[in-house]
Structures are given as C-alpha cells and as structure tokens.
PDB file of N, CA and C in Angstrom:
ATOM      1  N   UNK A   1     -53.103-246.056  62.033  1.00  0.00           N
ATOM      2  CA  UNK A   1     -53.474-245.859  63.354  1.00  0.00           C
ATOM      3  C   UNK A   1     -53.625-244.400  63.438  1.00  0.00           C
ATOM      4  N   UNK A   2     -54.484-243.985  64.466  1.00  0.00           N
ATOM      5  CA  UNK A   2     -54.600-242.557  64.757  1.00  0.00           C
ATOM      6  C   UNK A   2     -54.624-242.284  66.194  1.00  0.00           C
ATOM      7  N   UNK A   3     -53.935-241.186  66.643  1.00  0.00           N
ATOM      8  CA  UNK A   3     -53.754-240.893  67.957  1.00  0.00           C
ATOM      9  C   UNK A   3     -54.467-239.626  68.528  1.00  0.00           C
ATOM     10  N   UNK A   4     -54.966-239.896  69.808  1.00  0.00           N
ATOM     11  CA  UNK A   4     -55.479-238.547  70.502  1.00  0.00           C
ATOM     12  C   UNK A   4     -54.536-238.493  71.713  1.00  0.00           C
ATOM     13  N   UNK A   5     -54.424-237.374  72.355  1.00  0.00           N
ATOM     14  CA  UNK A   5     -53.787-237.007  73.574  1.00  0.00           C
ATOM     15  C   UNK A   5     -54.589-236.267  74.504  1.00  0.00           C
ATOM     16  N   UNK A   6     -54.346-236.606  75.893  1.00  0.00           N
ATOM     17  CA  UNK A   6     -54.772-235.764  76.857  1.00  0.00           C
ATOM     18  C   UNK A   6     -53.307-235.100  77.277  1.00  0.00           C
ATOM     19  N   UNK A   7     -53.165-233.858  77.089  1.00  0.00           N
ATOM     20  CA  UNK A   7     -51.761-233.212  77.224  1.00  0.00           C
ATOM     21  C   UNK A   7     -51.917-232.520  78.612  1.00  0.00           C
ATOM     22  N   UNK A   8     -50.661-232.153  79.146  1.00  0.00           N
ATOM     23  CA  UNK A   8     -50.505-231.402  80.190  1.00  0.00           C
ATOM     24  C   UNK A   8     -51.059-231.897  81.457  1.00  0.00           C
ATOM     25  N   UNK A   9     -50.873-233.218  81.756  1.00  0.00           N
ATOM     26  CA  UNK A   9     -51.319-233.708  83.088  1.00  0.00           C
ATOM     27  C   UNK A   9     -50.111-233.634  83.837  1.00  0.00           C
ATOM     28  N   UNK A  10     -50.252-233.457  85.188  1.00  0.00           N
ATOM     29  CA  UNK A  10     -49.168-233.361  85.951  1.00  0.00           C
ATOM     30  C   UNK A  10     -48.628-234.472  86.780  1.00  0.00           C
ATOM     31  N   UNK A  11     -49.386-235.494  86.891  1.00  0.00           N
ATOM     32  CA  UNK A  11     -49.059-236.554  87.730  1.00  0.00           C
ATOM     33  C   UNK A  11     -49.269-237.988  87.149  1.00  0.00           C
ATOM     34  N   UNK A  12     -48.188-238.874  87.052  1.00  0.00           N
ATOM     35  CA  UNK A  12     -48.393-240.192  86.501  1.00  0.00           C
ATOM     36  C   UNK A  12     -49.403-240.879  87.499  1.00  0.00           C
ATOM     37  N   UNK A  13     -49.298-240.772  88.710  1.00  0.00           N
ATOM     38  CA  UNK A  13     -50.097-241.452  89.681  1.00  0.00           C
ATOM     39  C   UNK A  13     -51.663-241.180  89.371  1.00  0.00           C
ATOM     40  N   UNK A  14     -51.771-239.856  89.443  1.00  0.00           N
ATOM     41  CA  UNK A  14     -53.377-239.453  89.072  1.00  0.00           C
ATOM     42  C   UNK A  14     -53.784-239.995  87.757  1.00  0.00           C
ATOM     43  N   UNK A  15     -52.887-239.968  86.637  1.00  0.00           N
ATOM     44  CA  UNK A  15     -53.474-240.358  85.403  1.00  0.00           C
ATOM     45  C   UNK A  15     -53.684-241.917  85.413  1.00  0.00           C
ATOM     46  N   UNK A  16     -52.790-242.631  86.116  1.00  0.00           N
ATOM     47  CA  UNK A  16     -52.891-244.083  86.204  1.00  0.00           C
ATOM     48  C   UNK A  16     -54.194-244.450  87.100  1.00  0.00           C
ATOM     49  N   UNK A  17     -54.284-243.680  88.086  1.00  0.00           N
ATOM     50  CA  UNK A  17     -55.572-243.965  88.971  1.00  0.00           C
ATOM     51  C   UNK A  17     -56.923-243.862  88.138  1.00  0.00           C
ATOM     52  N   UNK A  18     -56.934-242.654  87.391  1.00  0.00           N
ATOM     53  CA  UNK A  18     -57.913-242.371  86.605  1.00  0.00           C
ATOM     54  C   UNK A  18     -58.440-243.420  85.475  1.00  0.00           C
ATOM     55  N   UNK A  19     -57.168-243.821  84.805  1.00  0.00           N
ATOM     56  CA  UNK A  19     -57.422-244.917  84.005  1.00  0.00           C
ATOM     57  C   UNK A  19     -57.874-246.198  84.412  1.00  0.00           C
ATOM     58  N   UNK A  20     -57.320-246.473  85.600  1.00  0.00           N
ATOM     59  CA  UNK A  20     -57.864-247.807  86.352  1.00  0.00           C
ATOM     60  C   UNK A  20     -59.365-247.629  86.599  1.00  0.00           C
ATOM     61  N   UNK A  21     -59.846-246.558  86.920  1.00  0.00           N
ATOM     62  CA  UNK A  21     -61.304-246.342  87.365  1.00  0.00           C
ATOM     63  C   UNK A  21     -62.104-246.541  85.981  1.00  0.00           C
ATOM     64  N   UNK A  22     -61.558-245.881  84.741  1.00  0.00           N
ATOM     65  CA  UNK A  22     -62.440-245.827  83.644  1.00  0.00           C
ATOM     66  C   UNK A  22     -62.029-247.211  82.670  1.00  0.00           C
ATOM     67  N   UNK A  23     -61.047-247.764  83.001  1.00  0.00           N
ATOM     68  CA  UNK A  23     -60.821-249.066  82.104  1.00  0.00           C
ATOM     69  C   UNK A  23     -60.179-250.173  83.066  1.00  0.00           C
ATOM     70  N   UNK A  24     -61.103-250.497  84.005  1.00  0.00           N
ATOM     71  CA  UNK A  24     -60.537-251.578  84.950  1.00  0.00           C
ATOM     72  C   UNK A  24     -60.036-252.968  84.271  1.00  0.00           C
ATOM     73  N   UNK A  25     -59.118-253.648  85.016  1.00  0.00           N
ATOM     74  CA  UNK A  25     -58.793-254.945  84.617  1.00  0.00           C
ATOM     75  C   UNK A  25     -57.732-255.080  83.748  1.00  0.00           C
ATOM     76  N   UNK A  26     -57.087-253.974  83.392  1.00  0.00           N
ATOM     77  CA  UNK A  26     -55.760-254.219  82.610  1.00  0.00           C
ATOM     78  C   UNK A  26     -54.779-252.872  82.843  1.00  0.00           C
ATOM     79  N   UNK A  27     -53.577-252.754  82.673  1.00  0.00           N
ATOM     80  CA  UNK A  27     -52.763-251.531  82.799  1.00  0.00           C
ATOM     81  C   UNK A  27     -51.559-251.898  81.888  1.00  0.00           C
ATOM     82  N   UNK A  28     -51.094-250.847  81.345  1.00  0.00           N
ATOM     83  CA  UNK A  28     -49.684-250.835  80.643  1.00  0.00           C
ATOM     84  C   UNK A  28     -49.762-251.572  79.565  1.00  0.00           C
ATOM     85  N   UNK A  29     -50.733-251.418  78.447  1.00  0.00           N
ATOM     86  CA  UNK A  29     -51.511-250.414  78.356  1.00  0.00           C
ATOM     87  C   UNK A  29     -52.838-250.759  78.904  1.00  0.00           C
ATOM     88  N   UNK A  30     -53.656-249.531  78.937  1.00  0.00           N
ATOM     89  CA  UNK A  30     -55.172-249.741  79.210  1.00  0.00           C
ATOM     90  C   UNK A  30     -55.846-249.868  78.021  1.00  0.00           C
ATOM     91  N   UNK A  31     -56.753-250.739  77.759  1.00  0.00           N
ATOM     92  CA  UNK A  31     -57.370-250.958  76.630  1.00  0.00           C
ATOM     93  C   UNK A  31     -58.947-250.590  76.692  1.00  0.00           C
ATOM     94  N   UNK A  32     -59.378-249.894  75.589  1.00  0.00           N
ATOM     95  CA  UNK A  32     -60.767-249.600  75.412  1.00  0.00           C
ATOM     96  C   UNK A  32     -61.252-250.762  74.441  1.00  0.00           C
ATOM     97  N   UNK A  33     -62.343-251.528  74.774  1.00  0.00           N
ATOM     98  CA  UNK A  33     -62.794-252.615  74.034  1.00  0.00           C
ATOM     99  C   UNK A  33     -64.222-252.393  73.466  1.00  0.00           C
ATOM    100  N   UNK A  34     -64.368-253.094  72.247  1.00  0.00           N
ATOM    101  CA  UNK A  34     -65.693-252.869  71.786  1.00  0.00           C
ATOM    102  C   UNK A  34     -66.659-254.012  72.459  1.00  0.00           C
ATOM    103  N   UNK A  35     -67.953-254.003  72.145  1.00  0.00           N
ATOM    104  CA  UNK A  35     -68.566-254.985  72.787  1.00  0.00           C
ATOM    105  C   UNK A  35     -68.284-256.532  72.478  1.00  0.00           C
ATOM    106  N   UNK A  36     -67.645-256.744  71.412  1.00  0.00           N
ATOM    107  CA  UNK A  36     -67.317-258.069  71.117  1.00  0.00           C
ATOM    108  C   UNK A  36     -66.003-258.286  71.605  1.00  0.00           C
ATOM    109  N   UNK A  37     -65.292-257.354  72.359  1.00  0.00           N
ATOM    110  CA  UNK A  37     -64.029-257.645  72.998  1.00  0.00           C
ATOM    111  C   UNK A  37     -62.777-257.130  72.311  1.00  0.00           C
ATOM    112  N   UNK A  38     -63.093-256.852  70.866  1.00  0.00           N
ATOM    113  CA  UNK A  38     -62.004-256.415  70.094  1.00  0.00           C
ATOM    114  C   UNK A  38     -61.455-254.957  70.632  1.00  0.00           C
ATOM    115  N   UNK A  39     -60.258-254.812  70.495  1.00  0.00           N
ATOM    116  CA  UNK A  39     -59.516-253.425  71.004  1.00  0.00           C
ATOM    117  C   UNK A  39     -59.840-252.279  70.038  1.00  0.00           C
ATOM    118  N   UNK A  40     -60.313-251.273  70.720  1.00  0.00           N
ATOM    119  CA  UNK A  40     -60.734-250.055  69.865  1.00  0.00           C
ATOM    120  C   UNK A  40     -59.508-249.205  70.050  1.00  0.00           C
ATOM    121  N   UNK A  41     -58.865-249.051  71.320  1.00  0.00           N
ATOM    122  CA  UNK A  41     -57.672-248.100  71.477  1.00  0.00           C
ATOM    123  C   UNK A  41     -56.904-248.604  72.619  1.00  0.00           C
ATOM    124  N   UNK A  42     -55.594-248.220  72.566  1.00  0.00           N
ATOM    125  CA  UNK A  42     -54.826-248.465  73.608  1.00  0.00           C
ATOM    126  C   UNK A  42     -54.286-247.163  74.241  1.00  0.00           C
ATOM    127  N   UNK A  43     -54.351-247.067  75.684  1.00  0.00           N
ATOM    128  CA  UNK A  43     -53.999-245.861  76.311  1.00  0.00           C
ATOM    129  C   UNK A  43     -52.766-246.057  77.146  1.00  0.00           C
ATOM    130  N   UNK A  44     -51.767-245.042  77.104  1.00  0.00           N
ATOM    131  CA  UNK A  44     -50.534-245.139  77.887  1.00  0.00           C
ATOM    132  C   UNK A  44     -50.352-243.735  78.364  1.00  0.00           C
ATOM    133  N   UNK A  45     -49.591-243.703  79.434  1.00  0.00           N
ATOM    134  CA  UNK A  45     -49.149-242.541  80.091  1.00  0.00           C
ATOM    135  C   UNK A  45     -47.670-242.266  79.503  1.00  0.00           C
ATOM    136  N   UNK A  46     -47.265-241.029  79.109  1.00  0.00           N
ATOM    137  CA  UNK A  46     -46.012-240.951  78.419  1.00  0.00           C
ATOM    138  C   UNK A  46     -45.603-239.323  78.529  1.00  0.00           C
ATOM    139  N   UNK A  47     -44.229-239.098  78.439  1.00  0.00           N
ATOM    140  CA  UNK A  47     -44.047-237.622  78.308  1.00  0.00           C
ATOM    141  C   UNK A  47     -44.520-237.003  77.180  1.00  0.00           C
ATOM    142  N   UNK A  48     -44.746-235.633  77.091  1.00  0.00           N
ATOM    143  CA  UNK A  48     -45.066-234.910  75.907  1.00  0.00           C
ATOM    144  C   UNK A  48     -43.915-235.037  74.979  1.00  0.00           C
ATOM    145  N   UNK A  49     -44.340-235.087  73.537  1.00  0.00           N
ATOM    146  CA  UNK A  49     -43.372-235.168  72.516  1.00  0.00           C
ATOM    147  C   UNK A  49     -42.543-234.019  72.446  1.00  0.00           C
ATOM    148  N   UNK A  50     -43.042-232.702  72.824  1.00  0.00           N
ATOM    149  CA  UNK A  50     -42.362-231.382  72.636  1.00  0.00           C
ATOM    150  C   UNK A  50     -41.388-231.267  73.797  1.00  0.00           C
ATOM    151  N   UNK A  51     -40.948-232.034  74.565  1.00  0.00           N
ATOM    152  CA  UNK A  51     -39.987-231.941  75.559  1.00  0.00           C
ATOM    153  C   UNK A  51     -40.375-231.098  76.854  1.00  0.00           C
ATOM    154  N   UNK A  52     -41.696-230.832  76.775  1.00  0.00           N
ATOM    155  CA  UNK A  52     -42.294-230.018  77.960  1.00  0.00           C
ATOM    156  C   UNK A  52     -42.099-230.946  79.298  1.00  0.00           C
ATOM    157  N   UNK A  53     -42.168-230.333  80.436  1.00  0.00           N
ATOM    158  CA  UNK A  53     -41.937-231.103  81.536  1.00  0.00           C
ATOM    159  C   UNK A  53     -43.309-231.870  81.894  1.00  0.00           C
ATOM    160  N   UNK A  54     -44.441-231.555  81.206  1.00  0.00           N
ATOM    161  CA  UNK A  54     -45.716-232.332  81.526  1.00  0.00           C
ATOM    162  C   UNK A  54     -45.815-233.553  80.756  1.00  0.00           C
ATOM    163  N   UNK A  55     -46.803-234.229  81.288  1.00  0.00           N
ATOM    164  CA  UNK A  55     -47.014-235.748  80.855  1.00  0.00           C
ATOM    165  C   UNK A  55     -48.384-235.581  79.989  1.00  0.00           C
ATOM    166  N   UNK A  56     -48.612-236.701  79.130  1.00  0.00           N
ATOM    167  CA  UNK A  56     -49.814-236.916  78.494  1.00  0.00           C
ATOM    168  C   UNK A  56     -50.341-238.326  78.599  1.00  0.00           C
ATOM    169  N   UNK A  57     -51.499-238.526  78.309  1.00  0.00           N
ATOM    170  CA  UNK A  57     -52.122-239.751  78.189  1.00  0.00           C
ATOM    171  C   UNK A  57     -52.216-239.975  76.653  1.00  0.00           C
ATOM    172  N   UNK A  58     -51.575-240.892  75.923  1.00  0.00           N
ATOM    173  CA  UNK A  58     -51.878-241.160  74.409  1.00  0.00           C
ATOM    174  C   UNK A  58     -52.701-242.296  74.348  1.00  0.00           C
ATOM    175  N   UNK A  59     -53.812-242.014  73.316  1.00  0.00           N
ATOM    176  CA  UNK A  59     -54.693-243.124  72.971  1.00  0.00           C
ATOM    177  C   UNK A  59     -54.541-243.352  71.517  1.00  0.00           C
ATOM    178  N   UNK A  60     -54.078-244.642  71.194  1.00  0.00           N
ATOM    179  CA  UNK A  60     -53.838-244.927  69.777  1.00  0.00           C
ATOM    180  C   UNK A  60     -54.963-245.878  69.362  1.00  0.00           C
ATOM    181  N   UNK A  61     -55.690-245.267  68.398  1.00  0.00           N
ATOM    182  CA  UNK A  61     -57.005-246.038  67.880  1.00  0.00           C
ATOM    183  C   UNK A  61     -56.343-247.127  66.746  1.00  0.00           C
ATOM    184  N   UNK A  62     -56.929-248.331  66.988  1.00  0.00           N
ATOM    185  CA  UNK A  62     -56.423-249.447  66.011  1.00  0.00           C
ATOM    186  C   UNK A  62     -57.183-249.144  64.645  1.00  0.00           C
ATOM    187  N   UNK A  63     -56.523-249.571  63.585  1.00  0.00           N
ATOM    188  CA  UNK A  63     -56.845-249.379  62.204  1.00  0.00           C
ATOM    189  C   UNK A  63     -58.280-249.944  61.964  1.00  0.00           C
ATOM    190  N   UNK A  64     -58.549-251.053  62.796  1.00  0.00           N
ATOM    191  CA  UNK A  64     -59.996-251.736  62.581  1.00  0.00           C
ATOM    192  C   UNK A  64     -61.009-250.790  63.125  1.00  0.00           C
ATOM    193  N   UNK A  65     -60.720-249.960  63.959  1.00  0.00           N
ATOM    194  CA  UNK A  65     -61.805-249.039  64.733  1.00  0.00           C
ATOM    195  C   UNK A  65     -61.313-247.582  64.219  1.00  0.00           C
ATOM    196  N   UNK A  66     -60.921-247.344  63.032  1.00  0.00           N
ATOM    197  CA  UNK A  66     -60.439-245.986  62.722  1.00  0.00           C
ATOM    198  C   UNK A  66     -61.385-244.904  62.905  1.00  0.00           C
ATOM    199  N   UNK A  67     -62.654-245.065  62.651  1.00  0.00           N
ATOM    200  CA  UNK A  67     -63.738-244.109  62.571  1.00  0.00           C
ATOM    201  C   UNK A  67     -64.487-244.116  64.021  1.00  0.00           C
ATOM    202  N   UNK A  68     -63.868-244.707  65.139  1.00  0.00           N
ATOM    203  CA  UNK A  68     -64.598-244.672  66.451  1.00  0.00           C
ATOM    204  C   UNK A  68     -64.056-243.588  67.286  1.00  0.00           C
ATOM    205  N   UNK A  69     -63.710-242.478  66.720  1.00  0.00           N
ATOM    206  CA  UNK A  69     -63.140-241.340  67.469  1.00  0.00           C
ATOM    207  C   UNK A  69     -63.942-240.947  68.756  1.00  0.00           C
ATOM    208  N   UNK A  70     -65.227-240.927  68.474  1.00  0.00           N
ATOM    209  CA  UNK A  70     -66.155-240.403  69.404  1.00  0.00           C
ATOM    210  C   UNK A  70     -65.867-241.083  70.836  1.00  0.00           C
ATOM    211  N   UNK A  71     -65.792-242.350  70.767  1.00  0.00           N
ATOM    212  CA  UNK A  71     -65.585-243.081  72.114  1.00  0.00           C
ATOM    213  C   UNK A  71     -64.296-242.875  72.651  1.00  0.00           C
ATOM    214  N   UNK A  72     -63.246-242.669  71.946  1.00  0.00           N
ATOM    215  CA  UNK A  72     -61.954-242.352  72.500  1.00  0.00           C
ATOM    216  C   UNK A  72     -61.905-240.967  73.176  1.00  0.00           C
ATOM    217  N   UNK A  73     -62.479-240.051  72.297  1.00  0.00           N
ATOM    218  CA  UNK A  73     -62.489-238.557  72.818  1.00  0.00           C
ATOM    219  C   UNK A  73     -63.500-238.532  73.956  1.00  0.00           C
ATOM    220  N   UNK A  74     -64.499-239.251  74.180  1.00  0.00           N
ATOM    221  CA  UNK A  74     -65.411-239.103  75.371  1.00  0.00           C
ATOM    222  C   UNK A  74     -64.781-239.605  76.512  1.00  0.00           C
ATOM    223  N   UNK A  75     -63.959-240.680  76.406  1.00  0.00           N
ATOM    224  CA  UNK A  75     -63.151-241.162  77.464  1.00  0.00           C
ATOM    225  C   UNK A  75     -62.181-240.190  77.885  1.00  0.00           C
ATOM    226  N   UNK A  76     -61.447-239.717  76.900  1.00  0.00           N
ATOM    227  CA  UNK A  76     -60.319-238.720  77.269  1.00  0.00           C
ATOM    228  C   UNK A  76     -60.931-237.395  77.956  1.00  0.00           C
ATOM    229  N   UNK A  77     -62.099-236.916  77.524  1.00  0.00           N
ATOM    230  CA  UNK A  77     -62.847-235.775  78.205  1.00  0.00           C
ATOM    231  C   UNK A  77     -63.068-236.131  79.489  1.00  0.00           C
ATOM    232  N   UNK A  78     -63.704-237.474  80.017  1.00  0.00           N
ATOM    233  CA  UNK A  78     -63.835-237.778  81.237  1.00  0.00           C
ATOM    234  C   UNK A  78     -62.612-237.757  81.992  1.00  0.00           C
ATOM    235  N   UNK A  79     -61.707-238.076  81.603  1.00  0.00           N
ATOM    236  CA  UNK A  79     -60.392-238.171  82.208  1.00  0.00           C
ATOM    237  C   UNK A  79     -59.997-236.818  82.365  1.00  0.00           C
ATOM    238  N   UNK A  80     -60.068-235.789  81.373  1.00  0.00           N
ATOM    239  CA  UNK A  80     -59.841-234.473  81.671  1.00  0.00           C
ATOM    240  C   UNK A  80     -60.625-233.777  82.735  1.00  0.00           C
ATOM    241  N   UNK A  81     -61.715-234.070  82.849  1.00  0.00           N
ATOM    242  CA  UNK A  81     -62.749-233.648  83.893  1.00  0.00           C
ATOM    243  C   UNK A  81     -62.201-234.105  85.223  1.00  0.00           C
ATOM    244  N   UNK A  82     -61.505-235.227  85.413  1.00  0.00           N
ATOM    245  CA  UNK A  82     -61.011-235.845  86.793  1.00  0.00           C
ATOM    246  C   UNK A  82     -59.626-235.092  86.926  1.00  0.00           C
ATOM    247  N   UNK A  83     -58.703-235.136  86.022  1.00  0.00           N
ATOM    248  CA  UNK A  83     -57.484-234.856  86.478  1.00  0.00           C
ATOM    249  C   UNK A  83     -56.852-233.603  85.611  1.00  0.00           C
ATOM    250  N   UNK A  84     -57.660-232.993  84.778  1.00  0.00           N
ATOM    251  CA  UNK A  84     -57.093-231.957  84.029  1.00  0.00           C
ATOM    252  C   UNK A  84     -56.606-232.342  82.591  1.00  0.00           C
ATOM    253  N   UNK A  85     -56.092-231.262  82.059  1.00  0.00           N
ATOM    254  CA  UNK A  85     -55.403-231.406  80.713  1.00  0.00           C
ATOM    255  C   UNK A  85     -56.434-231.087  79.535  1.00  0.00           C
ATOM    256  N   UNK A  86     -55.736-230.975  78.385  1.00  0.00           N
ATOM    257  CA  UNK A  86     -56.417-230.690  77.080  1.00  0.00           C
ATOM    258  C   UNK A  86     -56.394-231.763  76.042  1.00  0.00           C
ATOM    259  N   UNK A  87     -57.456-232.113  75.435  1.00  0.00           N
ATOM    260  CA  UNK A  87     -57.637-233.186  74.540  1.00  0.00           C
ATOM    261  C   UNK A  87     -57.233-232.652  73.221  1.00  0.00           C
ATOM    262  N   UNK A  88     -56.244-233.277  72.500  1.00  0.00           N
ATOM    263  CA  UNK A  88     -55.716-232.966  71.247  1.00  0.00           C
ATOM    264  C   UNK A  88     -55.537-234.321  70.290  1.00  0.00           C
ATOM    265  N   UNK A  89     -55.379-233.923  68.992  1.00  0.00           N
ATOM    266  CA  UNK A  89     -55.041-235.289  68.103  1.00  0.00           C
ATOM    267  C   UNK A  89     -53.637-235.087  67.362  1.00  0.00           C
ATOM    268  N   UNK A  90     -53.366-235.975  66.619  1.00  0.00           N
ATOM    269  CA  UNK A  90     -52.213-236.045  65.825  1.00  0.00           C
ATOM    270  C   UNK A  90     -52.367-235.337  64.429  1.00  0.00           C
ATOM    271  N   UNK A  91     -53.336-234.650  64.293  1.00  0.00           N
ATOM    272  CA  UNK A  91     -53.560-234.144  62.930  1.00  0.00           C
ATOM    273  C   UNK A  91     -52.997-232.750  62.797  1.00  0.00           C
TER     274      UNK A  91
END
C-alpha cells in the first residue's frame, strides 16, 4: 500500500464536504473507484501524524492499483484548491 496526504487542512466539516462532492455515494471511507468498480484508493480525514493541531486527508492506494498515483494526486489537488492544504506522500 502507498499513501498520499492533503496536509494542514483546518476543518473536518470542510474536508468531509469536499470529499462528498468529489466522491459521492459513500463516506468513512470515501472510495475512488476504477471504471470496473474496483477500489483504487480509500480516503479518510485524520489528525496529522506529527501531533500538529492540523488535520489531513489520507489516501491509501490499493496494491492492485499501486501505479495509479496520478488519479489520486489529481483528486487531492482538486481538494486542495477547494479547502487548502499541501499534497505529500509517504516516501
């Protein structure tokens, strides 16, 4: 599994609202699906790992779709344009 993050967002409500718009039909986690319905990545709102007071959206890419980073990063960038934050990865 590989993870990307939209770090330093300030509101759970704003993050969840933006995720509802981008990934309608499910919550906790929000799922990015391939055309065949297979899950590419799961998105969750969580506290930052470094104990800062900010929140992040974590996107975990499934092993089956390990090389489909561009779809996940594109979605995180759209979320960033809407609610702010910086896109990072777990590398």
